[in-house]
PDB file of all heavy atoms in Angstrom:
ATOM      1  N   PRO A   1      52.699 -85.777  66.053  1.00  0.00           N
ATOM      2  CA  PRO A   1      51.458 -86.252  65.466  1.00  0.00           C
ATOM      3  C   PRO A   1      51.680 -87.554  64.717  1.00  0.00           C
ATOM      4  O   PRO A   1      52.743 -87.782  64.150  1.00  0.00           O
ATOM      5  CB  PRO A   1      51.034 -85.134  64.514  1.00  0.00           C
ATOM      6  CG  PRO A   1      52.194 -84.242  64.371  1.00  0.00           C
ATOM      7  CD  PRO A   1      53.121 -84.515  65.497  1.00  0.00           C
ATOM      8  N   SER A   2      50.673 -88.418  64.747  1.00  0.00           N
ATOM      9  CA  SER A   2      50.792 -89.674  64.035  1.00  0.00           C
ATOM     10  C   SER A   2      50.597 -89.454  62.543  1.00  0.00           C
ATOM     11  O   SER A   2      50.035 -88.448  62.121  1.00  0.00           O
ATOM     12  CB  SER A   2      49.771 -90.681  64.560  1.00  0.00           C
ATOM     13  OG  SER A   2      48.471 -90.229  64.292  1.00  0.00           O
ATOM     14  N   ARG A   3      51.090 -90.373  61.765  1.00  0.00           N
ATOM     15  CA  ARG A   3      50.965 -90.274  60.319  1.00  0.00           C
ATOM     16  C   ARG A   3      49.827 -91.180  59.851  1.00  0.00           C
ATOM     17  O   ARG A   3      49.517 -92.171  60.511  1.00  0.00           O
ATOM     18  CB  ARG A   3      52.272 -90.720  59.666  1.00  0.00           C
ATOM     19  CG  ARG A   3      53.407 -89.775  59.999  1.00  0.00           C
ATOM     20  CD  ARG A   3      54.746 -90.227  59.494  1.00  0.00           C
ATOM     21  NE  ARG A   3      54.666 -90.779  58.158  1.00  0.00           N
ATOM     22  CZ  ARG A   3      55.573 -91.614  57.660  1.00  0.00           C
ATOM     23  NH1 ARG A   3      56.587 -91.978  58.386  1.00  0.00           N
ATOM     24  NH2 ARG A   3      55.459 -92.077  56.442  1.00  0.00           N
ATOM     25  N   PRO A   4      49.201 -90.874  58.712  1.00  0.00           N
ATOM     26  CA  PRO A   4      48.175 -91.755  58.174  1.00  0.00           C
ATOM     27  C   PRO A   4      48.749 -93.151  57.967  1.00  0.00           C
ATOM     28  O   PRO A   4      49.818 -93.307  57.399  1.00  0.00           O
ATOM     29  CB  PRO A   4      47.795 -91.120  56.839  1.00  0.00           C
ATOM     30  CG  PRO A   4      48.231 -89.709  56.942  1.00  0.00           C
ATOM     31  CD  PRO A   4      49.406 -89.700  57.869  1.00  0.00           C
ATOM     32  N   ARG A   5      48.074 -94.131  58.456  1.00  0.00           N
ATOM     33  CA  ARG A   5      48.592 -95.485  58.406  1.00  0.00           C
ATOM     34  C   ARG A   5      47.955 -96.326  57.297  1.00  0.00           C
ATOM     35  O   ARG A   5      48.596 -97.156  56.712  1.00  0.00           O
ATOM     36  CB  ARG A   5      48.389 -96.177  59.739  1.00  0.00           C
ATOM     37  CG  ARG A   5      49.082 -95.477  60.881  1.00  0.00           C
ATOM     38  CD  ARG A   5      49.295 -96.421  62.028  1.00  0.00           C
ATOM     39  NE  ARG A   5      49.691 -95.829  63.286  1.00  0.00           N
ATOM     40  CZ  ARG A   5      50.749 -95.091  63.503  1.00  0.00           C
ATOM     41  NH1 ARG A   5      51.510 -94.765  62.516  1.00  0.00           N
ATOM     42  NH2 ARG A   5      51.044 -94.630  64.685  1.00  0.00           N
ATOM     43  N   ARG A   6      46.711 -96.142  57.054  1.00  0.00           N
ATOM     44  CA  ARG A   6      46.029 -96.970  56.070  1.00  0.00           C
ATOM     45  C   ARG A   6      46.179 -96.350  54.680  1.00  0.00           C
ATOM     46  O   ARG A   6      46.341 -95.141  54.530  1.00  0.00           O
ATOM     47  CB  ARG A   6      44.553 -97.095  56.404  1.00  0.00           C
ATOM     48  CG  ARG A   6      44.320 -97.800  57.739  1.00  0.00           C
ATOM     49  CD  ARG A   6      42.877 -97.964  58.022  1.00  0.00           C
ATOM     50  NE  ARG A   6      42.231 -96.648  57.977  1.00  0.00           N
ATOM     51  CZ  ARG A   6      40.941 -96.465  58.096  1.00  0.00           C
ATOM     52  NH1 ARG A   6      40.145 -97.478  58.270  1.00  0.00           N
ATOM     53  NH2 ARG A   6      40.431 -95.254  58.046  1.00  0.00           N
ATOM     54  N   ALA A   7      46.114 -97.203  53.669  1.00  0.00           N
ATOM     55  CA  ALA A   7      46.231 -96.738  52.279  1.00  0.00           C
ATOM     56  C   ALA A   7      45.138 -95.720  51.969  1.00  0.00           C
ATOM     57  O   ALA A   7      45.390 -94.712  51.298  1.00  0.00           O
ATOM     58  CB  ALA A   7      46.165 -97.919  51.323  1.00  0.00           C
ATOM     59  N   ALA A   8      43.931 -95.960  52.454  1.00  0.00           N
ATOM     60  CA  ALA A   8      42.823 -95.034  52.195  1.00  0.00           C
ATOM     61  C   ALA A   8      43.114 -93.668  52.807  1.00  0.00           C
ATOM     62  O   ALA A   8      42.842 -92.637  52.186  1.00  0.00           O
ATOM     63  CB  ALA A   8      41.517 -95.598  52.751  1.00  0.00           C
ATOM     64  N   GLU A   9      43.667 -93.647  54.006  1.00  0.00           N
ATOM     65  CA  GLU A   9      43.996 -92.380  54.650  1.00  0.00           C
ATOM     66  C   GLU A   9      45.062 -91.630  53.858  1.00  0.00           C
ATOM     67  O   GLU A   9      44.991 -90.417  53.707  1.00  0.00           O
ATOM     68  CB  GLU A   9      44.498 -92.606  56.078  1.00  0.00           C
ATOM     69  CG  GLU A   9      43.429 -93.006  57.053  1.00  0.00           C
ATOM     70  CD  GLU A   9      43.974 -93.232  58.438  1.00  0.00           C
ATOM     71  OE1 GLU A   9      45.158 -93.600  58.579  1.00  0.00           O
ATOM     72  OE2 GLU A   9      43.207 -93.048  59.392  1.00  0.00           O
ATOM     73  N   ARG A  10      46.041 -92.358  53.341  1.00  0.00           N
ATOM     74  CA  ARG A  10      47.087 -91.705  52.543  1.00  0.00           C
ATOM     75  C   ARG A  10      46.508 -91.128  51.256  1.00  0.00           C
ATOM     76  O   ARG A  10      46.893 -90.026  50.845  1.00  0.00           O
ATOM     77  CB  ARG A  10      48.215 -92.687  52.242  1.00  0.00           C
ATOM     78  CG  ARG A  10      49.080 -93.003  53.462  1.00  0.00           C
ATOM     79  CD  ARG A  10      50.330 -93.773  53.091  1.00  0.00           C
ATOM     80  NE  ARG A  10      50.067 -95.078  52.496  1.00  0.00           N
ATOM     81  CZ  ARG A  10      49.885 -96.199  53.185  1.00  0.00           C
ATOM     82  NH1 ARG A  10      49.954 -96.176  54.506  1.00  0.00           N
ATOM     83  NH2 ARG A  10      49.658 -97.341  52.577  1.00  0.00           N
ATOM     84  N   ARG A  11      45.589 -91.852  50.620  1.00  0.00           N
ATOM     85  CA  ARG A  11      44.971 -91.340  49.386  1.00  0.00           C
ATOM     86  C   ARG A  11      44.150 -90.087  49.677  1.00  0.00           C
ATOM     87  O   ARG A  11      44.241 -89.093  48.946  1.00  0.00           O
ATOM     88  CB  ARG A  11      44.081 -92.404  48.747  1.00  0.00           C
ATOM     89  CG  ARG A  11      44.855 -93.525  48.090  1.00  0.00           C
ATOM     90  CD  ARG A  11      43.973 -94.390  47.214  1.00  0.00           C
ATOM     91  NE  ARG A  11      42.720 -94.779  47.813  1.00  0.00           N
ATOM     92  CZ  ARG A  11      42.503 -95.889  48.515  1.00  0.00           C
ATOM     93  NH1 ARG A  11      43.495 -96.745  48.706  1.00  0.00           N
ATOM     94  NH2 ARG A  11      41.315 -96.160  49.009  1.00  0.00           N
ATOM     95  N   ILE A  12      43.358 -90.123  50.751  1.00  0.00           N
ATOM     96  CA  ILE A  12      42.548 -88.961  51.120  1.00  0.00           C
ATOM     97  C   ILE A  12      43.463 -87.785  51.437  1.00  0.00           C
ATOM     98  O   ILE A  12      43.227 -86.659  50.990  1.00  0.00           O
ATOM     99  CB  ILE A  12      41.635 -89.271  52.329  1.00  0.00           C
ATOM    100  CG1 ILE A  12      40.656 -90.385  52.016  1.00  0.00           C
ATOM    101  CG2 ILE A  12      40.923 -88.016  52.802  1.00  0.00           C
ATOM    102  CD1 ILE A  12      39.567 -90.042  51.039  1.00  0.00           C
ATOM    103  N   ALA A  13      44.526 -88.039  52.189  1.00  0.00           N
ATOM    104  CA  ALA A  13      45.472 -86.973  52.543  1.00  0.00           C
ATOM    105  C   ALA A  13      46.088 -86.365  51.290  1.00  0.00           C
ATOM    106  O   ALA A  13      46.244 -85.139  51.206  1.00  0.00           O
ATOM    107  CB  ALA A  13      46.558 -87.521  53.467  1.00  0.00           C
ATOM    108  N   GLN A  14      46.412 -87.184  50.313  1.00  0.00           N
ATOM    109  CA  GLN A  14      47.003 -86.666  49.080  1.00  0.00           C
ATOM    110  C   GLN A  14      46.007 -85.783  48.339  1.00  0.00           C
ATOM    111  O   GLN A  14      46.372 -84.738  47.803  1.00  0.00           O
ATOM    112  CB  GLN A  14      47.481 -87.806  48.174  1.00  0.00           C
ATOM    113  CG  GLN A  14      48.229 -87.320  46.955  1.00  0.00           C
ATOM    114  CD  GLN A  14      49.473 -86.527  47.324  1.00  0.00           C
ATOM    115  OE1 GLN A  14      50.316 -86.993  48.090  1.00  0.00           O
ATOM    116  NE2 GLN A  14      49.604 -85.335  46.795  1.00  0.00           N
ATOM    117  N   HIS A  15      44.730 -86.171  48.329  1.00  0.00           N
ATOM    118  CA  HIS A  15      43.705 -85.336  47.695  1.00  0.00           C
ATOM    119  C   HIS A  15      43.596 -83.988  48.411  1.00  0.00           C
ATOM    120  O   HIS A  15      43.453 -82.946  47.757  1.00  0.00           O
ATOM    121  CB  HIS A  15      42.334 -86.026  47.719  1.00  0.00           C
ATOM    122  CG  HIS A  15      42.233 -87.195  46.792  1.00  0.00           C
ATOM    123  ND1 HIS A  15      42.497 -87.127  45.446  1.00  0.00           N
ATOM    124  CD2 HIS A  15      41.866 -88.478  47.029  1.00  0.00           C
ATOM    125  CE1 HIS A  15      42.300 -88.314  44.890  1.00  0.00           C
ATOM    126  NE2 HIS A  15      41.921 -89.147  45.829  1.00  0.00           N
ATOM    127  N   VAL A  16      43.672 -84.008  49.732  1.00  0.00           N
ATOM    128  CA  VAL A  16      43.593 -82.770  50.507  1.00  0.00           C
ATOM    129  C   VAL A  16      44.787 -81.878  50.175  1.00  0.00           C
ATOM    130  O   VAL A  16      44.638 -80.671  49.972  1.00  0.00           O
ATOM    131  CB  VAL A  16      43.518 -83.060  52.021  1.00  0.00           C
ATOM    132  CG1 VAL A  16      43.643 -81.790  52.836  1.00  0.00           C
ATOM    133  CG2 VAL A  16      42.211 -83.773  52.364  1.00  0.00           C
ATOM    134  N   VAL A  17      45.973 -82.478  50.112  1.00  0.00           N
ATOM    135  CA  VAL A  17      47.183 -81.722  49.773  1.00  0.00           C
ATOM    136  C   VAL A  17      47.041 -81.095  48.387  1.00  0.00           C
ATOM    137  O   VAL A  17      47.490 -79.969  48.156  1.00  0.00           O
ATOM    138  CB  VAL A  17      48.433 -82.640  49.837  1.00  0.00           C
ATOM    139  CG1 VAL A  17      49.640 -81.978  49.210  1.00  0.00           C
ATOM    140  CG2 VAL A  17      48.716 -83.031  51.278  1.00  0.00           C
ATOM    141  N   ASN A  18      46.398 -81.805  47.477  1.00  0.00           N
ATOM    142  CA  ASN A  18      46.185 -81.289  46.122  1.00  0.00           C
ATOM    143  C   ASN A  18      45.099 -80.228  46.071  1.00  0.00           C
ATOM    144  O   ASN A  18      44.864 -79.650  45.019  1.00  0.00           O
ATOM    145  CB  ASN A  18      45.856 -82.426  45.165  1.00  0.00           C
ATOM    146  CG  ASN A  18      47.029 -83.348  44.942  1.00  0.00           C
ATOM    147  OD1 ASN A  18      48.178 -82.963  45.118  1.00  0.00           O
ATOM    148  ND2 ASN A  18      46.746 -84.575  44.556  1.00  0.00           N
ATOM    149  N   GLY A  19      44.421 -79.988  47.192  1.00  0.00           N
ATOM    150  CA  GLY A  19      43.448 -78.910  47.266  1.00  0.00           C
ATOM    151  C   GLY A  19      42.033 -79.277  46.867  1.00  0.00           C
ATOM    152  O   GLY A  19      41.202 -78.388  46.668  1.00  0.00           O
ATOM    153  N   LEU A  20      41.724 -80.561  46.762  1.00  0.00           N
ATOM    154  CA  LEU A  20      40.371 -80.961  46.386  1.00  0.00           C
ATOM    155  C   LEU A  20      39.403 -80.785  47.555  1.00  0.00           C
ATOM    156  O   LEU A  20      39.746 -81.107  48.692  1.00  0.00           O
ATOM    157  CB  LEU A  20      40.343 -82.419  45.934  1.00  0.00           C
ATOM    158  CG  LEU A  20      41.077 -82.764  44.649  1.00  0.00           C
ATOM    159  CD1 LEU A  20      40.969 -84.259  44.376  1.00  0.00           C
ATOM    160  CD2 LEU A  20      40.548 -81.968  43.494  1.00  0.00           C
ATOM    161  N   PRO A  21      38.200 -80.315  47.280  1.00  0.00           N
ATOM    162  CA  PRO A  21      37.185 -80.248  48.329  1.00  0.00           C
ATOM    163  C   PRO A  21      36.603 -81.646  48.580  1.00  0.00           C
ATOM    164  O   PRO A  21      36.805 -82.572  47.783  1.00  0.00           O
ATOM    165  CB  PRO A  21      36.123 -79.310  47.741  1.00  0.00           C
ATOM    166  CG  PRO A  21      36.295 -79.404  46.271  1.00  0.00           C
ATOM    167  CD  PRO A  21      37.753 -79.704  46.036  1.00  0.00           C
ATOM    168  N   ALA A  22      35.892 -81.786  49.679  1.00  0.00           N
ATOM    169  CA  ALA A  22      35.356 -83.087  50.089  1.00  0.00           C
ATOM    170  C   ALA A  22      34.492 -83.715  48.997  1.00  0.00           C
ATOM    171  O   ALA A  22      34.547 -84.931  48.776  1.00  0.00           O
ATOM    172  CB  ALA A  22      34.555 -82.944  51.383  1.00  0.00           C
ATOM    173  N   ARG A  23      33.724 -82.919  48.305  1.00  0.00           N
ATOM    174  CA  ARG A  23      32.847 -83.455  47.254  1.00  0.00           C
ATOM    175  C   ARG A  23      33.665 -84.125  46.152  1.00  0.00           C
ATOM    176  O   ARG A  23      33.337 -85.228  45.710  1.00  0.00           O
ATOM    177  CB  ARG A  23      31.998 -82.347  46.672  1.00  0.00           C
ATOM    178  CG  ARG A  23      31.075 -82.796  45.563  1.00  0.00           C
ATOM    179  CD  ARG A  23      30.374 -81.634  44.959  1.00  0.00           C
ATOM    180  NE  ARG A  23      31.415 -80.641  44.609  1.00  0.00           N
ATOM    181  CZ  ARG A  23      31.191 -79.428  44.198  1.00  0.00           C
ATOM    182  NH1 ARG A  23      29.976 -78.970  44.092  1.00  0.00           N
ATOM    183  NH2 ARG A  23      32.175 -78.622  43.895  1.00  0.00           N
ATOM    184  N   GLN A  24      34.740 -83.495  45.720  1.00  0.00           N
ATOM    185  CA  GLN A  24      35.575 -84.071  44.672  1.00  0.00           C
ATOM    186  C   GLN A  24      36.368 -85.276  45.179  1.00  0.00           C
ATOM    187  O   GLN A  24      36.604 -86.224  44.441  1.00  0.00           O
ATOM    188  CB  GLN A  24      36.509 -83.022  44.088  1.00  0.00           C
ATOM    189  CG  GLN A  24      35.773 -82.001  43.258  1.00  0.00           C
ATOM    190  CD  GLN A  24      36.709 -80.948  42.701  1.00  0.00           C
ATOM    191  OE1 GLN A  24      37.770 -80.673  43.270  1.00  0.00           O
ATOM    192  NE2 GLN A  24      36.305 -80.344  41.597  1.00  0.00           N
ATOM    193  N   ILE A  25      36.780 -85.234  46.427  1.00  0.00           N
ATOM    194  CA  ILE A  25      37.459 -86.385  47.022  1.00  0.00           C
ATOM    195  C   ILE A  25      36.510 -87.574  47.055  1.00  0.00           C
ATOM    196  O   ILE A  25      36.878 -88.697  46.700  1.00  0.00           O
ATOM    197  CB  ILE A  25      37.981 -86.066  48.434  1.00  0.00           C
ATOM    198  CG1 ILE A  25      39.104 -85.028  48.352  1.00  0.00           C
ATOM    199  CG2 ILE A  25      38.482 -87.327  49.130  1.00  0.00           C
ATOM    200  CD1 ILE A  25      39.552 -84.490  49.693  1.00  0.00           C
ATOM    201  N   ALA A  26      35.273 -87.325  47.463  1.00  0.00           N
ATOM    202  CA  ALA A  26      34.271 -88.391  47.520  1.00  0.00           C
ATOM    203  C   ALA A  26      34.059 -88.996  46.140  1.00  0.00           C
ATOM    204  O   ALA A  26      34.000 -90.222  45.989  1.00  0.00           O
ATOM    205  CB  ALA A  26      32.961 -87.853  48.080  1.00  0.00           C
ATOM    206  N   ASP A  27      33.964 -88.155  45.124  1.00  0.00           N
ATOM    207  CA  ASP A  27      33.772 -88.652  43.760  1.00  0.00           C
ATOM    208  C   ASP A  27      34.987 -89.461  43.289  1.00  0.00           C
ATOM    209  O   ASP A  27      34.832 -90.528  42.695  1.00  0.00           O
ATOM    210  CB  ASP A  27      33.508 -87.496  42.798  1.00  0.00           C
ATOM    211  CG  ASP A  27      32.167 -86.825  43.025  1.00  0.00           C
ATOM    212  OD1 ASP A  27      31.295 -87.428  43.701  1.00  0.00           O
ATOM    213  OD2 ASP A  27      31.993 -85.690  42.542  1.00  0.00           O
ATOM    214  N   ALA A  28      36.180 -88.962  43.566  1.00  0.00           N
ATOM    215  CA  ALA A  28      37.404 -89.643  43.130  1.00  0.00           C
ATOM    216  C   ALA A  28      37.584 -90.992  43.817  1.00  0.00           C
ATOM    217  O   ALA A  28      38.083 -91.941  43.211  1.00  0.00           O
ATOM    218  CB  ALA A  28      38.620 -88.757  43.390  1.00  0.00           C
ATOM    219  N   GLU A  29      37.164 -91.085  45.065  1.00  0.00           N
ATOM    220  CA  GLU A  29      37.354 -92.314  45.849  1.00  0.00           C
ATOM    221  C   GLU A  29      36.086 -93.177  45.908  1.00  0.00           C
ATOM    222  O   GLU A  29      36.069 -94.179  46.621  1.00  0.00           O
ATOM    223  CB  GLU A  29      37.794 -91.965  47.277  1.00  0.00           C
ATOM    224  CG  GLU A  29      39.164 -91.333  47.347  1.00  0.00           C
ATOM    225  CD  GLU A  29      40.273 -92.292  46.950  1.00  0.00           C
ATOM    226  OE1 GLU A  29      40.205 -93.490  47.315  1.00  0.00           O
ATOM    227  OE2 GLU A  29      41.209 -91.848  46.271  1.00  0.00           O
ATOM    228  N   THR A  30      35.062 -92.782  45.192  1.00  0.00           N
ATOM    229  CA  THR A  30      33.740 -93.447  45.209  1.00  0.00           C
ATOM    230  C   THR A  30      33.228 -93.657  46.638  1.00  0.00           C
ATOM    231  O   THR A  30      32.882 -94.750  47.041  1.00  0.00           O
ATOM    232  CB  THR A  30      33.751 -94.775  44.424  1.00  0.00           C
ATOM    233  OG1 THR A  30      34.685 -95.677  45.013  1.00  0.00           O
ATOM    234  CG2 THR A  30      34.061 -94.557  42.962  1.00  0.00           C
ATOM    235  N   LEU A  31      33.225 -92.560  47.373  1.00  0.00           N
ATOM    236  CA  LEU A  31      32.719 -92.529  48.740  1.00  0.00           C
ATOM    237  C   LEU A  31      31.560 -91.548  48.806  1.00  0.00           C
ATOM    238  O   LEU A  31      31.409 -90.690  47.935  1.00  0.00           O
ATOM    239  CB  LEU A  31      33.806 -92.036  49.703  1.00  0.00           C
ATOM    240  CG  LEU A  31      35.113 -92.802  49.776  1.00  0.00           C
ATOM    241  CD1 LEU A  31      36.134 -92.008  50.569  1.00  0.00           C
ATOM    242  CD2 LEU A  31      34.900 -94.158  50.392  1.00  0.00           C
ATOM    243  N   SER A  32      30.787 -91.645  49.870  1.00  0.00           N
ATOM    244  CA  SER A  32      29.785 -90.614  50.094  1.00  0.00           C
ATOM    245  C   SER A  32      30.494 -89.364  50.605  1.00  0.00           C
ATOM    246  O   SER A  32      31.614 -89.434  51.127  1.00  0.00           O
ATOM    247  CB  SER A  32      28.748 -91.079  51.117  1.00  0.00           C
ATOM    248  OG  SER A  32      29.304 -91.086  52.422  1.00  0.00           O
ATOM    249  N   ARG A  33      29.855 -88.226  50.448  1.00  0.00           N
ATOM    250  CA  ARG A  33      30.455 -86.975  50.937  1.00  0.00           C
ATOM    251  C   ARG A  33      30.658 -87.038  52.442  1.00  0.00           C
ATOM    252  O   ARG A  33      31.653 -86.526  52.966  1.00  0.00           O
ATOM    253  CB  ARG A  33      29.577 -85.788  50.573  1.00  0.00           C
ATOM    254  CG  ARG A  33      29.595 -85.507  49.104  1.00  0.00           C
ATOM    255  CD  ARG A  33      28.720 -84.346  48.757  1.00  0.00           C
ATOM    256  NE  ARG A  33      28.586 -84.255  47.315  1.00  0.00           N
ATOM    257  CZ  ARG A  33      27.708 -83.524  46.700  1.00  0.00           C
ATOM    258  NH1 ARG A  33      26.862 -82.800  47.382  1.00  0.00           N
ATOM    259  NH2 ARG A  33      27.652 -83.514  45.392  1.00  0.00           N
ATOM    260  N   HIS A  34      29.709 -87.647  53.134  1.00  0.00           N
ATOM    261  CA  HIS A  34      29.811 -87.765  54.591  1.00  0.00           C
ATOM    262  C   HIS A  34      31.051 -88.577  54.970  1.00  0.00           C
ATOM    263  O   HIS A  34      31.802 -88.201  55.879  1.00  0.00           O
ATOM    264  CB  HIS A  34      28.548 -88.411  55.155  1.00  0.00           C
ATOM    265  CG  HIS A  34      28.622 -88.647  56.630  1.00  0.00           C
ATOM    266  ND1 HIS A  34      28.490 -87.616  57.542  1.00  0.00           N
ATOM    267  CD2 HIS A  34      28.853 -89.760  57.348  1.00  0.00           C
ATOM    268  CE1 HIS A  34      28.612 -88.107  58.765  1.00  0.00           C
ATOM    269  NE2 HIS A  34      28.839 -89.409  58.665  1.00  0.00           N
ATOM    270  N   THR A  35      31.286 -89.679  54.273  1.00  0.00           N
ATOM    271  CA  THR A  35      32.450 -90.523  54.563  1.00  0.00           C
ATOM    272  C   THR A  35      33.741 -89.770  54.272  1.00  0.00           C
ATOM    273  O   THR A  35      34.694 -89.841  55.062  1.00  0.00           O
ATOM    274  CB  THR A  35      32.388 -91.819  53.746  1.00  0.00           C
ATOM    275  OG1 THR A  35      31.169 -92.499  54.053  1.00  0.00           O
ATOM    276  CG2 THR A  35      33.564 -92.726  54.051  1.00  0.00           C
ATOM    277  N   ALA A  36      33.778 -89.044  53.163  1.00  0.00           N
ATOM    278  CA  ALA A  36      34.983 -88.264  52.831  1.00  0.00           C
ATOM    279  C   ALA A  36      35.254 -87.224  53.913  1.00  0.00           C
ATOM    280  O   ALA A  36      36.391 -87.055  54.350  1.00  0.00           O
ATOM    281  CB  ALA A  36      34.814 -87.594  51.470  1.00  0.00           C
ATOM    282  N   ARG A  37      34.213 -86.522  54.340  1.00  0.00           N
ATOM    283  CA  ARG A  37      34.389 -85.522  55.399  1.00  0.00           C
ATOM    284  C   ARG A  37      34.844 -86.177  56.706  1.00  0.00           C
ATOM    285  O   ARG A  37      35.665 -85.621  57.429  1.00  0.00           O
ATOM    286  CB  ARG A  37      33.104 -84.736  55.627  1.00  0.00           C
ATOM    287  CG  ARG A  37      32.829 -83.745  54.545  1.00  0.00           C
ATOM    288  CD  ARG A  37      31.575 -82.945  54.896  1.00  0.00           C
ATOM    289  NE  ARG A  37      31.320 -81.937  53.901  1.00  0.00           N
ATOM    290  CZ  ARG A  37      31.866 -80.729  53.893  1.00  0.00           C
ATOM    291  NH1 ARG A  37      32.681 -80.374  54.849  1.00  0.00           N
ATOM    292  NH2 ARG A  37      31.580 -79.877  52.937  1.00  0.00           N
ATOM    293  N   SER A  38      34.316 -87.358  57.006  1.00  0.00           N
ATOM    294  CA  SER A  38      34.709 -88.074  58.211  1.00  0.00           C
ATOM    295  C   SER A  38      36.192 -88.449  58.165  1.00  0.00           C
ATOM    296  O   SER A  38      36.916 -88.299  59.153  1.00  0.00           O
ATOM    297  CB  SER A  38      33.845 -89.327  58.362  1.00  0.00           C
ATOM    298  OG  SER A  38      34.226 -90.064  59.489  1.00  0.00           O
ATOM    299  N   HIS A  39      36.646 -88.931  57.012  1.00  0.00           N
ATOM    300  CA  HIS A  39      38.066 -89.255  56.857  1.00  0.00           C
ATOM    301  C   HIS A  39      38.916 -87.996  57.020  1.00  0.00           C
ATOM    302  O   HIS A  39      39.962 -88.028  57.658  1.00  0.00           O
ATOM    303  CB  HIS A  39      38.333 -89.859  55.485  1.00  0.00           C
ATOM    304  CG  HIS A  39      37.950 -91.297  55.358  1.00  0.00           C
ATOM    305  ND1 HIS A  39      38.430 -92.286  56.174  1.00  0.00           N
ATOM    306  CD2 HIS A  39      37.121 -91.912  54.477  1.00  0.00           C
ATOM    307  CE1 HIS A  39      37.932 -93.447  55.813  1.00  0.00           C
ATOM    308  NE2 HIS A  39      37.118 -93.238  54.777  1.00  0.00           N
ATOM    309  N   MET A  40      38.469 -86.897  56.434  1.00  0.00           N
ATOM    310  CA  MET A  40      39.219 -85.649  56.532  1.00  0.00           C
ATOM    311  C   MET A  40      39.300 -85.176  57.978  1.00  0.00           C
ATOM    312  O   MET A  40      40.355 -84.723  58.442  1.00  0.00           O
ATOM    313  CB  MET A  40      38.584 -84.583  55.648  1.00  0.00           C
ATOM    314  CG  MET A  40      38.745 -84.881  54.164  1.00  0.00           C
ATOM    315  SD  MET A  40      37.750 -83.831  53.118  1.00  0.00           S
ATOM    316  CE  MET A  40      38.573 -82.264  53.325  1.00  0.00           C
ATOM    317  N   PHE A  41      38.209 -85.283  58.717  1.00  0.00           N
ATOM    318  CA  PHE A  41      38.198 -84.893  60.126  1.00  0.00           C
ATOM    319  C   PHE A  41      39.178 -85.761  60.911  1.00  0.00           C
ATOM    320  O   PHE A  41      39.967 -85.261  61.717  1.00  0.00           O
ATOM    321  CB  PHE A  41      36.784 -85.015  60.704  1.00  0.00           C
ATOM    322  CG  PHE A  41      36.719 -84.708  62.162  1.00  0.00           C
ATOM    323  CD1 PHE A  41      36.704 -83.397  62.610  1.00  0.00           C
ATOM    324  CD2 PHE A  41      36.675 -85.722  63.099  1.00  0.00           C
ATOM    325  CE1 PHE A  41      36.654 -83.098  63.962  1.00  0.00           C
ATOM    326  CE2 PHE A  41      36.627 -85.446  64.453  1.00  0.00           C
ATOM    327  CZ  PHE A  41      36.611 -84.135  64.884  1.00  0.00           C
ATOM    328  N   SER A  42      39.136 -87.057  60.646  1.00  0.00           N
ATOM    329  CA  SER A  42      40.024 -87.984  61.342  1.00  0.00           C
ATOM    330  C   SER A  42      41.492 -87.666  61.051  1.00  0.00           C
ATOM    331  O   SER A  42      42.329 -87.674  61.955  1.00  0.00           O
ATOM    332  CB  SER A  42      39.707 -89.418  60.914  1.00  0.00           C
ATOM    333  OG  SER A  42      40.594 -90.326  61.485  1.00  0.00           O
TER     334      SER A  42
END
């Protein structure tokens, strides 16, 4: 499997590893919930 390449992907991945739900990730990264979920899916 490929690894996250962009800084944003690494930050989102770290939030996921820390157990944050998409809503909290979106708030922490100042993204919409839809965008956070899209990054997580990717």
